[in-house]
Amino acid sequence: MALRINRKERETSQNVIRRFTKAIRQSGILLEARKRQFQRKRKSRLARKLAALRKEKIKKEYARMKKLGKIESGKIRR
């Protein structure tokens, strides 16, 4: 969505800026941009599957280390 503001004859730069900000506010461009600013892109099906597999692998490894006695209440013994 393009927004065009032309300077009128004998108009001060402050008035042009004021008209521009008013037009931006009324068009909703700024509101839409702020909504999209922190929106995360959804991961693809394959990426979600790989992440789940990675998590499962880490859980198994953690359980194995705990069973061997190398992990004790969140701390790793060496």
Protein backbone atom coordinates (compact mmCIF):
# COMPACT_ATOMS: atom_id res chain seq x y z
CA MET A 1 0.00 0.00 0.00
CA ALA A 2 1.67 3.19 -1.18
CA LEU A 3 0.94 6.49 0.45
CA ARG A 4 1.80 9.69 -1.39
CA ILE A 5 1.77 13.18 0.09
CA ASN A 6 2.67 16.09 -2.18
CA ARG A 7 3.71 19.43 -0.82
CA LYS A 8 1.17 22.12 -1.57
CA GLU A 9 2.17 25.55 -2.78
CA ARG A 10 3.45 27.80 0.03
CA GLU A 11 3.11 25.03 2.62
CA THR A 12 5.63 24.78 5.44
CA SER A 13 7.61 21.60 5.96
CA GLN A 14 6.04 21.17 9.40
CA ASN A 15 2.57 21.15 7.86
CA VAL A 16 3.67 18.55 5.30
CA ILE A 17 4.99 16.33 8.10
CA ARG A 18 1.77 16.84 10.08
CA ARG A 19 -0.36 15.87 7.08
CA PHE A 20 1.87 12.86 6.40
CA THR A 21 1.64 11.52 9.97
CA LYS A 22 -2.13 12.03 9.93
CA ALA A 23 -2.43 10.12 6.66
CA ILE A 24 -0.26 7.30 8.03
CA ARG A 25 -2.42 7.07 11.16
CA GLN A 26 -5.65 7.02 9.18
CA SER A 27 -4.43 4.45 6.67
CA GLY A 28 -3.48 1.94 9.40
CA ILE A 29 -0.07 1.19 7.88
CA LEU A 30 1.77 1.82 11.14
CA LEU A 31 -0.68 -0.27 13.14
CA GLU A 32 -0.26 -3.19 10.74
CA ALA A 33 3.54 -2.89 10.83
CA ARG A 34 3.53 -2.99 14.65
CA LYS A 35 1.32 -6.08 14.61
CA ARG A 36 3.73 -7.88 12.28
CA GLN A 37 6.90 -6.72 14.06
CA PHE A 38 7.09 -9.56 16.58
CA GLN A 39 5.11 -12.20 14.71
CA ARG A 40 7.05 -15.42 14.36
CA LYS A 41 7.02 -17.47 11.24
CA ARG A 42 5.56 -20.92 11.79
CA LYS A 43 8.04 -23.77 11.37
CA SER A 44 7.53 -26.23 8.56
CA ARG A 45 6.27 -29.73 9.31
CA LEU A 46 9.72 -31.22 8.72
CA ALA A 47 11.41 -28.67 10.99
CA ARG A 48 8.92 -29.41 13.81
CA LYS A 49 9.48 -33.14 13.37
CA LEU A 50 13.27 -32.75 13.48
CA ALA A 51 13.04 -30.53 16.57
CA ALA A 52 10.87 -33.14 18.32
CA LEU A 53 13.36 -35.89 17.45
CA ARG A 54 16.25 -33.77 18.70
CA LYS A 55 14.41 -33.12 21.98
CA GLU A 56 13.68 -36.83 22.40
CA LYS A 57 17.35 -37.68 21.80
CA ILE A 58 18.47 -35.16 24.44
CA LYS A 59 15.95 -36.55 26.97
CA LYS A 60 17.22 -40.10 26.40
CA GLU A 61 20.83 -38.99 26.77
CA TYR A 62 19.97 -37.11 29.97
CA ALA A 63 18.20 -40.17 31.40
CA ARG A 64 21.20 -42.36 30.49
CA MET A 65 23.65 -39.98 32.15
CA LYS A 66 21.45 -39.82 35.26
CA LYS A 67 21.31 -43.61 35.41
CA LEU A 68 25.11 -43.81 35.18
CA GLY A 69 25.37 -41.32 38.03
CA LYS A 70 27.03 -38.59 36.00
CA ILE A 71 24.15 -36.18 36.56
CA GLU A 72 22.90 -35.40 40.02
CA SER A 73 19.99 -32.95 40.47
CA GLY A 74 20.84 -30.84 37.44
CA LYS A 75 24.62 -30.81 37.96
CA ILE A 76 27.09 -32.80 35.87
CA ARG A 77 29.73 -34.74 37.79
CA ARG A 78 33.09 -35.30 36.15
